[in-house]
């Protein structure tokens, strides 16, 4: 039991870490491809990052353990141990999913503290471990600003995180209603953290138009479809 508990909780942390890596890679790839406008680039980054994170969080564990050998079409998924949403599925995959969403709710705080620690370390190194804040090793104004100002404000991966939380919650929420308060906690933490960072941390954000927000709202309207489909599947078991 102790080994299973460690494995389930460890996998929850690993999934969140993989999502962070996937998010970083997607942003780098979209920036490498390039787009004509900044809004289009941010919209594509949000979409691609969300789809990759959503597949990794919601579908990967489902597909790895699936056994559809009793179905007319197996889709080559006949090697797993779960043929339906049974008790064992909820004890293993379900617990892992809930643990992932719980850790994901607090991860923005850990991420902000980690980046703050890195910036503080770079500033201390720039001053040569001196307490004199006017001492610096930079040779240009821009270099000094890059070291002592806050991070650039990006909306794309915050939107993708929000979309991932909402879609995963709606996908499994009927059978695991604990996901809904966890999703509320995630939204509250993200809102409070971003509001605080906008006042005290980030640089002045660029003037985004309403198209990016509208695209996210349009995608959110499809989340109830997953709730109906997977909810009917789970309720019929």
C-alpha atoms as a PDB file:
ATOM      1  CA  UNK A   1       0.000   0.000   0.000  1.00  0.00           C
ATOM      2  CA  UNK A   2       2.814   2.415   0.835  1.00  0.00           C
ATOM      3  CA  UNK A   3       4.542   1.731  -2.485  1.00  0.00           C
ATOM      4  CA  UNK A   4       1.304   2.294  -4.412  1.00  0.00           C
ATOM      5  CA  UNK A   5       0.693   5.546  -2.520  1.00  0.00           C
ATOM      6  CA  UNK A   6       4.179   6.803  -3.366  1.00  0.00           C
ATOM      7  CA  UNK A   7       3.841   5.810  -7.020  1.00  0.00           C
ATOM      8  CA  UNK A   8       0.431   7.453  -7.443  1.00  0.00           C
ATOM      9  CA  UNK A   9       1.527  10.710  -5.797  1.00  0.00           C
ATOM     10  CA  UNK A  10       4.876  10.683  -7.578  1.00  0.00           C
ATOM     11  CA  UNK A  11       3.140  10.270 -10.936  1.00  0.00           C
ATOM     12  CA  UNK A  12       0.958  13.292 -10.160  1.00  0.00           C
ATOM     13  CA  UNK A  13       4.048  15.454  -9.693  1.00  0.00           C
ATOM     14  CA  UNK A  14       5.667  13.977 -12.805  1.00  0.00           C
ATOM     15  CA  UNK A  15       2.631  14.807 -14.966  1.00  0.00           C
ATOM     16  CA  UNK A  16       2.694  18.416 -13.805  1.00  0.00           C
ATOM     17  CA  UNK A  17       6.424  18.613 -14.517  1.00  0.00           C
ATOM     18  CA  UNK A  18       5.926  17.123 -17.981  1.00  0.00           C
ATOM     19  CA  UNK A  19       3.200  19.682 -18.670  1.00  0.00           C
ATOM     20  CA  UNK A  20       5.653  22.443 -17.746  1.00  0.00           C
ATOM     21  CA  UNK A  21       8.251  21.019 -20.152  1.00  0.00           C
ATOM     22  CA  UNK A  22       5.679  20.576 -22.928  1.00  0.00           C
ATOM     23  CA  UNK A  23       4.475  24.126 -22.425  1.00  0.00           C
ATOM     24  CA  UNK A  24       8.000  25.490 -22.764  1.00  0.00           C
ATOM     25  CA  UNK A  25       8.700  23.431 -25.896  1.00  0.00           C
ATOM     26  CA  UNK A  26       5.419  24.479 -27.537  1.00  0.00           C
ATOM     27  CA  UNK A  27       6.116  28.168 -26.898  1.00  0.00           C
ATOM     28  CA  UNK A  28       9.618  27.830 -28.372  1.00  0.00           C
ATOM     29  CA  UNK A  29       8.299  26.019 -31.467  1.00  0.00           C
ATOM     30  CA  UNK A  30       5.549  28.569 -32.102  1.00  0.00           C
ATOM     31  CA  UNK A  31       8.052  31.410 -31.720  1.00  0.00           C
ATOM     32  CA  UNK A  32      10.355  29.611 -34.166  1.00  0.00           C
ATOM     33  CA  UNK A  33       7.586  29.214 -36.758  1.00  0.00           C
ATOM     34  CA  UNK A  34       6.565  32.871 -36.514  1.00  0.00           C
ATOM     35  CA  UNK A  35       3.299  34.581 -37.442  1.00  0.00           C
ATOM     36  CA  UNK A  36       2.308  37.835 -39.080  1.00  0.00           C
ATOM     37  CA  UNK A  37       0.725  39.412 -36.004  1.00  0.00           C
ATOM     38  CA  UNK A  38       1.337  39.165 -32.268  1.00  0.00           C
ATOM     39  CA  UNK A  39      -2.293  38.257 -31.583  1.00  0.00           C
ATOM     40  CA  UNK A  40      -2.154  35.380 -34.041  1.00  0.00           C
ATOM     41  CA  UNK A  41       1.061  34.098 -32.482  1.00  0.00           C
ATOM     42  CA  UNK A  42      -0.421  34.211 -28.988  1.00  0.00           C
ATOM     43  CA  UNK A  43      -3.618  32.513 -30.172  1.00  0.00           C
ATOM     44  CA  UNK A  44      -1.703  29.669 -31.830  1.00  0.00           C
ATOM     45  CA  UNK A  45       0.511  29.288 -28.772  1.00  0.00           C
ATOM     46  CA  UNK A  46      -2.535  29.070 -26.514  1.00  0.00           C
ATOM     47  CA  UNK A  47      -4.223  26.465 -28.725  1.00  0.00           C
ATOM     48  CA  UNK A  48      -1.209  24.214 -29.255  1.00  0.00           C
ATOM     49  CA  UNK A  49      -0.082  24.389 -25.627  1.00  0.00           C
ATOM     50  CA  UNK A  50      -3.577  23.611 -24.377  1.00  0.00           C
ATOM     51  CA  UNK A  51      -4.055  20.614 -26.688  1.00  0.00           C
ATOM     52  CA  UNK A  52      -0.696  19.106 -25.750  1.00  0.00           C
ATOM     53  CA  UNK A  53      -1.248  19.589 -22.014  1.00  0.00           C
ATOM     54  CA  UNK A  54      -4.828  18.339 -22.207  1.00  0.00           C
ATOM     55  CA  UNK A  55      -3.788  15.169 -24.015  1.00  0.00           C
ATOM     56  CA  UNK A  56      -0.983  14.548 -21.539  1.00  0.00           C
ATOM     57  CA  UNK A  57      -3.230  15.109 -18.514  1.00  0.00           C
ATOM     58  CA  UNK A  58      -6.614  13.710 -19.512  1.00  0.00           C
ATOM     59  CA  UNK A  59      -6.058  11.160 -22.281  1.00  0.00           C
ATOM     60  CA  UNK A  60      -2.599   9.657 -21.868  1.00  0.00           C
ATOM     61  CA  UNK A  61      -3.350   7.755 -18.650  1.00  0.00           C
ATOM     62  CA  UNK A  62      -6.730   6.757 -20.057  1.00  0.00           C
ATOM     63  CA  UNK A  63      -5.203   5.305 -23.215  1.00  0.00           C
ATOM     64  CA  UNK A  64      -2.254   3.593 -21.524  1.00  0.00           C
ATOM     65  CA  UNK A  65      -4.506   1.560 -19.221  1.00  0.00           C
ATOM     66  CA  UNK A  66      -7.358   0.995 -21.681  1.00  0.00           C
ATOM     67  CA  UNK A  67      -8.415  -2.489 -22.781  1.00  0.00           C
ATOM     68  CA  UNK A  68     -11.001  -2.378 -25.556  1.00  0.00           C
ATOM     69  CA  UNK A  69     -10.684  -6.000 -26.614  1.00  0.00           C
ATOM     70  CA  UNK A  70     -14.406  -6.544 -25.922  1.00  0.00           C
ATOM     71  CA  UNK A  71     -15.433  -3.688 -28.206  1.00  0.00           C
ATOM     72  CA  UNK A  72     -16.146  -3.998 -31.951  1.00  0.00           C
ATOM     73  CA  UNK A  73     -13.270  -1.599 -32.726  1.00  0.00           C
ATOM     74  CA  UNK A  74     -10.242  -1.757 -30.447  1.00  0.00           C
ATOM     75  CA  UNK A  75      -8.165   1.072 -31.934  1.00  0.00           C
ATOM     76  CA  UNK A  76      -5.152  -1.108 -31.019  1.00  0.00           C
ATOM     77  CA  UNK A  77      -5.950  -0.551 -27.321  1.00  0.00           C
ATOM     78  CA  UNK A  78      -6.124  -4.117 -26.084  1.00  0.00           C
ATOM     79  CA  UNK A  79      -3.141  -4.418 -23.758  1.00  0.00           C
ATOM     80  CA  UNK A  80      -4.329  -2.465 -20.727  1.00  0.00           C
ATOM     81  CA  UNK A  81      -6.003  -3.666 -17.557  1.00  0.00           C
ATOM     82  CA  UNK A  82      -9.080  -1.421 -17.534  1.00  0.00           C
ATOM     83  CA  UNK A  83     -11.998  -2.256 -19.815  1.00  0.00           C
ATOM     84  CA  UNK A  84     -14.286   0.289 -18.133  1.00  0.00           C
ATOM     85  CA  UNK A  85     -14.437   2.881 -15.376  1.00  0.00           C
ATOM     86  CA  UNK A  86     -14.449   0.303 -12.591  1.00  0.00           C
ATOM     87  CA  UNK A  87     -13.393   0.512  -8.951  1.00  0.00           C
ATOM     88  CA  UNK A  88      -9.749  -0.261  -9.699  1.00  0.00           C
ATOM     89  CA  UNK A  89      -9.629   2.482 -12.351  1.00  0.00           C
ATOM     90  CA  UNK A  90     -10.744   5.097  -9.829  1.00  0.00           C
ATOM     91  CA  UNK A  91      -8.255   3.837  -7.241  1.00  0.00           C
ATOM     92  CA  UNK A  92      -5.296   4.128  -9.611  1.00  0.00           C
ATOM     93  CA  UNK A  93      -5.935   6.410 -12.599  1.00  0.00           C
ATOM     94  CA  UNK A  94      -8.608   8.448 -10.814  1.00  0.00           C
ATOM     95  CA  UNK A  95      -6.445   9.105  -7.764  1.00  0.00           C
ATOM     96  CA  UNK A  96      -3.514  10.038  -9.990  1.00  0.00           C
ATOM     97  CA  UNK A  97      -5.689  12.462 -11.951  1.00  0.00           C
ATOM     98  CA  UNK A  98      -7.045  14.112  -8.813  1.00  0.00           C
ATOM     99  CA  UNK A  99      -3.542  14.373  -7.364  1.00  0.00           C
ATOM    100  CA  UNK A 100      -2.299  15.952 -10.582  1.00  0.00           C
ATOM    101  CA  UNK A 101      -5.059  18.560 -10.599  1.00  0.00           C
ATOM    102  CA  UNK A 102      -4.484  19.304  -6.897  1.00  0.00           C
ATOM    103  CA  UNK A 103      -0.760  19.842  -7.377  1.00  0.00           C
ATOM    104  CA  UNK A 104      -1.451  21.776 -10.580  1.00  0.00           C
ATOM    105  CA  UNK A 105      -3.607  24.198  -8.569  1.00  0.00           C
ATOM    106  CA  UNK A 106      -0.648  25.189  -6.364  1.00  0.00           C
ATOM    107  CA  UNK A 107       2.004  24.950  -9.059  1.00  0.00           C
ATOM    108  CA  UNK A 108       1.676  28.610 -10.231  1.00  0.00           C
ATOM    109  CA  UNK A 109       2.741  29.760  -6.755  1.00  0.00           C
ATOM    110  CA  UNK A 110       5.754  27.446  -6.772  1.00  0.00           C
ATOM    111  CA  UNK A 111       6.624  28.593 -10.287  1.00  0.00           C
ATOM    112  CA  UNK A 112       6.416  32.276  -9.328  1.00  0.00           C
ATOM    113  CA  UNK A 113       8.579  31.713  -6.254  1.00  0.00           C
ATOM    114  CA  UNK A 114      11.106  29.758  -8.310  1.00  0.00           C
ATOM    115  CA  UNK A 115      11.445  32.468 -10.939  1.00  0.00           C
ATOM    116  CA  UNK A 116      11.661  35.112  -8.206  1.00  0.00           C
ATOM    117  CA  UNK A 117      14.487  33.168  -6.599  1.00  0.00           C
ATOM    118  CA  UNK A 118      16.347  33.001  -9.911  1.00  0.00           C
ATOM    119  CA  UNK A 119      15.958  36.727 -10.511  1.00  0.00           C
ATOM    120  CA  UNK A 120      17.142  37.454  -6.970  1.00  0.00           C
ATOM    121  CA  UNK A 121      20.155  35.190  -7.489  1.00  0.00           C
ATOM    122  CA  UNK A 122      21.090  36.945 -10.738  1.00  0.00           C
ATOM    123  CA  UNK A 123      20.814  40.344  -9.039  1.00  0.00           C
ATOM    124  CA  UNK A 124      23.034  39.242  -6.161  1.00  0.00           C
ATOM    125  CA  UNK A 125      25.579  37.892  -8.647  1.00  0.00           C
ATOM    126  CA  UNK A 126      25.401  41.157 -10.581  1.00  0.00           C
ATOM    127  CA  UNK A 127      26.216  43.127  -7.418  1.00  0.00           C
ATOM    128  CA  UNK A 128      28.995  40.700  -6.514  1.00  0.00           C
ATOM    129  CA  UNK A 129      27.223  39.686  -3.296  1.00  0.00           C
ATOM    130  CA  UNK A 130      27.281  43.310  -2.201  1.00  0.00           C
ATOM    131  CA  UNK A 131      24.473  45.084  -0.345  1.00  0.00           C
ATOM    132  CA  UNK A 132      25.028  48.221  -2.422  1.00  0.00           C
ATOM    133  CA  UNK A 133      22.101  48.248  -4.852  1.00  0.00           C
ATOM    134  CA  UNK A 134      23.841  50.831  -7.039  1.00  0.00           C
ATOM    135  CA  UNK A 135      26.738  48.466  -7.750  1.00  0.00           C
ATOM    136  CA  UNK A 136      26.382  46.511 -10.993  1.00  0.00           C
ATOM    137  CA  UNK A 137      28.447  44.583 -13.514  1.00  0.00           C
ATOM    138  CA  UNK A 138      26.200  45.450 -16.455  1.00  0.00           C
ATOM    139  CA  UNK A 139      27.639  47.732 -19.113  1.00  0.00           C
ATOM    140  CA  UNK A 140      24.405  49.059 -20.632  1.00  0.00           C
ATOM    141  CA  UNK A 141      21.087  50.477 -19.515  1.00  0.00           C
ATOM    142  CA  UNK A 142      19.200  47.663 -21.229  1.00  0.00           C
ATOM    143  CA  UNK A 143      21.311  45.041 -19.490  1.00  0.00           C
ATOM    144  CA  UNK A 144      20.613  46.691 -16.145  1.00  0.00           C
ATOM    145  CA  UNK A 145      16.877  46.801 -16.861  1.00  0.00           C
ATOM    146  CA  UNK A 146      16.839  43.148 -17.915  1.00  0.00           C
ATOM    147  CA  UNK A 147      18.437  42.215 -14.597  1.00  0.00           C
ATOM    148  CA  UNK A 148      16.436  44.377 -12.210  1.00  0.00           C
ATOM    149  CA  UNK A 149      12.989  44.597 -13.786  1.00  0.00           C
ATOM    150  CA  UNK A 150      10.304  41.945 -13.524  1.00  0.00           C
ATOM    151  CA  UNK A 151       9.438  39.294 -16.102  1.00  0.00           C
ATOM    152  CA  UNK A 152       7.532  39.962 -19.297  1.00  0.00           C
ATOM    153  CA  UNK A 153       3.801  39.367 -18.959  1.00  0.00           C
ATOM    154  CA  UNK A 154       2.523  36.582 -21.212  1.00  0.00           C
ATOM    155  CA  UNK A 155      -1.110  35.538 -21.413  1.00  0.00           C
ATOM    156  CA  UNK A 156      -0.864  32.526 -23.710  1.00  0.00           C
ATOM    157  CA  UNK A 157       0.285  29.810 -21.304  1.00  0.00           C
ATOM    158  CA  UNK A 158      -1.991  31.148 -18.537  1.00  0.00           C
ATOM    159  CA  UNK A 159      -4.945  30.769 -20.866  1.00  0.00           C
ATOM    160  CA  UNK A 160      -3.792  27.270 -21.845  1.00  0.00           C
ATOM    161  CA  UNK A 161      -3.509  26.327 -18.149  1.00  0.00           C
ATOM    162  CA  UNK A 162      -7.006  27.629 -17.508  1.00  0.00           C
ATOM    163  CA  UNK A 163      -8.401  25.727 -20.493  1.00  0.00           C
ATOM    164  CA  UNK A 164      -6.690  22.535 -19.369  1.00  0.00           C
ATOM    165  CA  UNK A 165      -8.157  22.814 -15.863  1.00  0.00           C
ATOM    166  CA  UNK A 166     -11.682  23.441 -17.144  1.00  0.00           C
ATOM    167  CA  UNK A 167     -11.669  20.697 -19.774  1.00  0.00           C
ATOM    168  CA  UNK A 168     -10.191  18.024 -17.489  1.00  0.00           C
ATOM    169  CA  UNK A 169     -12.721  18.937 -14.793  1.00  0.00           C
ATOM    170  CA  UNK A 170     -15.669  18.705 -17.170  1.00  0.00           C
ATOM    171  CA  UNK A 171     -14.370  15.489 -18.695  1.00  0.00           C
ATOM    172  CA  UNK A 172     -14.201  13.538 -15.415  1.00  0.00           C
ATOM    173  CA  UNK A 173     -16.239  15.759 -13.103  1.00  0.00           C
ATOM    174  CA  UNK A 174     -19.461  13.740 -13.060  1.00  0.00           C
ATOM    175  CA  UNK A 175     -17.785  10.672 -11.556  1.00  0.00           C
ATOM    176  CA  UNK A 176     -15.182  12.646  -9.570  1.00  0.00           C
ATOM    177  CA  UNK A 177     -16.978  15.790  -8.335  1.00  0.00           C
ATOM    178  CA  UNK A 178     -13.975  16.689  -6.146  1.00  0.00           C
ATOM    179  CA  UNK A 179     -12.465  18.090  -9.356  1.00  0.00           C
ATOM    180  CA  UNK A 180     -14.891  21.027  -9.343  1.00  0.00           C
ATOM    181  CA  UNK A 181     -13.736  22.597  -6.040  1.00  0.00           C
ATOM    182  CA  UNK A 182     -10.140  21.894  -7.098  1.00  0.00           C
ATOM    183  CA  UNK A 183     -10.821  23.756 -10.365  1.00  0.00           C
ATOM    184  CA  UNK A 184     -12.314  26.673  -8.402  1.00  0.00           C
ATOM    185  CA  UNK A 185      -9.200  26.751  -6.231  1.00  0.00           C
ATOM    186  CA  UNK A 186      -6.993  26.707  -9.354  1.00  0.00           C
ATOM    187  CA  UNK A 187      -8.861  29.654 -10.872  1.00  0.00           C
ATOM    188  CA  UNK A 188      -8.745  31.618  -7.609  1.00  0.00           C
ATOM    189  CA  UNK A 189      -5.012  31.051  -7.114  1.00  0.00           C
ATOM    190  CA  UNK A 190      -4.263  31.947 -10.736  1.00  0.00           C
ATOM    191  CA  UNK A 191      -6.394  35.093 -10.527  1.00  0.00           C
ATOM    192  CA  UNK A 192      -4.941  36.241  -7.194  1.00  0.00           C
ATOM    193  CA  UNK A 193      -1.367  35.494  -8.257  1.00  0.00           C
ATOM    194  CA  UNK A 194      -1.658  37.218 -11.631  1.00  0.00           C
ATOM    195  CA  UNK A 195      -3.364  40.233 -10.086  1.00  0.00           C
ATOM    196  CA  UNK A 196      -0.577  40.539  -7.507  1.00  0.00           C
ATOM    197  CA  UNK A 197       2.168  40.048 -10.082  1.00  0.00           C
ATOM    198  CA  UNK A 198       0.657  42.667 -12.392  1.00  0.00           C
ATOM    199  CA  UNK A 199       0.944  45.223  -9.575  1.00  0.00           C
ATOM    200  CA  UNK A 200       4.269  44.203  -8.078  1.00  0.00           C
ATOM    201  CA  UNK A 201       6.129  41.857 -10.422  1.00  0.00           C
ATOM    202  CA  UNK A 202       5.564  42.031 -14.161  1.00  0.00           C
ATOM    203  CA  UNK A 203       6.684  44.727 -16.501  1.00  0.00           C
ATOM    204  CA  UNK A 204       3.987  46.875 -18.082  1.00  0.00           C
ATOM    205  CA  UNK A 205       2.030  44.381 -20.222  1.00  0.00           C
ATOM    206  CA  UNK A 206       1.430  45.001 -23.927  1.00  0.00           C
ATOM    207  CA  UNK A 207      -1.949  46.185 -25.145  1.00  0.00           C
ATOM    208  CA  UNK A 208      -3.722  42.949 -26.082  1.00  0.00           C
ATOM    209  CA  UNK A 209      -6.957  43.220 -28.023  1.00  0.00           C
ATOM    210  CA  UNK A 210     -10.107  41.225 -27.328  1.00  0.00           C
ATOM    211  CA  UNK A 211      -9.540  38.540 -29.973  1.00  0.00           C
ATOM    212  CA  UNK A 212      -7.382  36.304 -27.784  1.00  0.00           C
ATOM    213  CA  UNK A 213      -9.873  36.398 -24.910  1.00  0.00           C
ATOM    214  CA  UNK A 214     -12.774  35.778 -27.279  1.00  0.00           C
ATOM    215  CA  UNK A 215     -11.041  32.748 -28.792  1.00  0.00           C
ATOM    216  CA  UNK A 216     -10.590  31.279 -25.316  1.00  0.00           C
ATOM    217  CA  UNK A 217     -14.249  31.905 -24.462  1.00  0.00           C
ATOM    218  CA  UNK A 218     -15.302  30.204 -27.691  1.00  0.00           C
ATOM    219  CA  UNK A 219     -13.250  27.127 -26.824  1.00  0.00           C
ATOM    220  CA  UNK A 220     -14.681  26.989 -23.314  1.00  0.00           C
ATOM    221  CA  UNK A 221     -18.153  26.539 -24.790  1.00  0.00           C
ATOM    222  CA  UNK A 222     -17.207  23.048 -25.990  1.00  0.00           C
ATOM    223  CA  UNK A 223     -16.254  21.792 -22.502  1.00  0.00           C
ATOM    224  CA  UNK A 224     -19.842  20.729 -21.620  1.00  0.00           C
ATOM    225  CA  UNK A 225     -19.777  18.341 -24.604  1.00  0.00           C
ATOM    226  CA  UNK A 226     -17.063  16.323 -22.854  1.00  0.00           C
ATOM    227  CA  UNK A 227     -19.113  16.463 -19.657  1.00  0.00           C
ATOM    228  CA  UNK A 228     -22.111  14.943 -21.453  1.00  0.00           C
ATOM    229  CA  UNK A 229     -20.188  12.259 -23.349  1.00  0.00           C
ATOM    230  CA  UNK A 230     -17.935  11.016 -20.558  1.00  0.00           C
ATOM    231  CA  UNK A 231     -20.606  11.612 -17.935  1.00  0.00           C
ATOM    232  CA  UNK A 232     -23.010   9.328 -19.792  1.00  0.00           C
ATOM    233  CA  UNK A 233     -20.267   6.710 -20.166  1.00  0.00           C
ATOM    234  CA  UNK A 234     -19.413   6.800 -16.460  1.00  0.00           C
ATOM    235  CA  UNK A 235     -23.022   6.937 -15.291  1.00  0.00           C
ATOM    236  CA  UNK A 236     -23.933   3.925 -17.436  1.00  0.00           C
ATOM    237  CA  UNK A 237     -21.317   1.765 -15.725  1.00  0.00           C
END
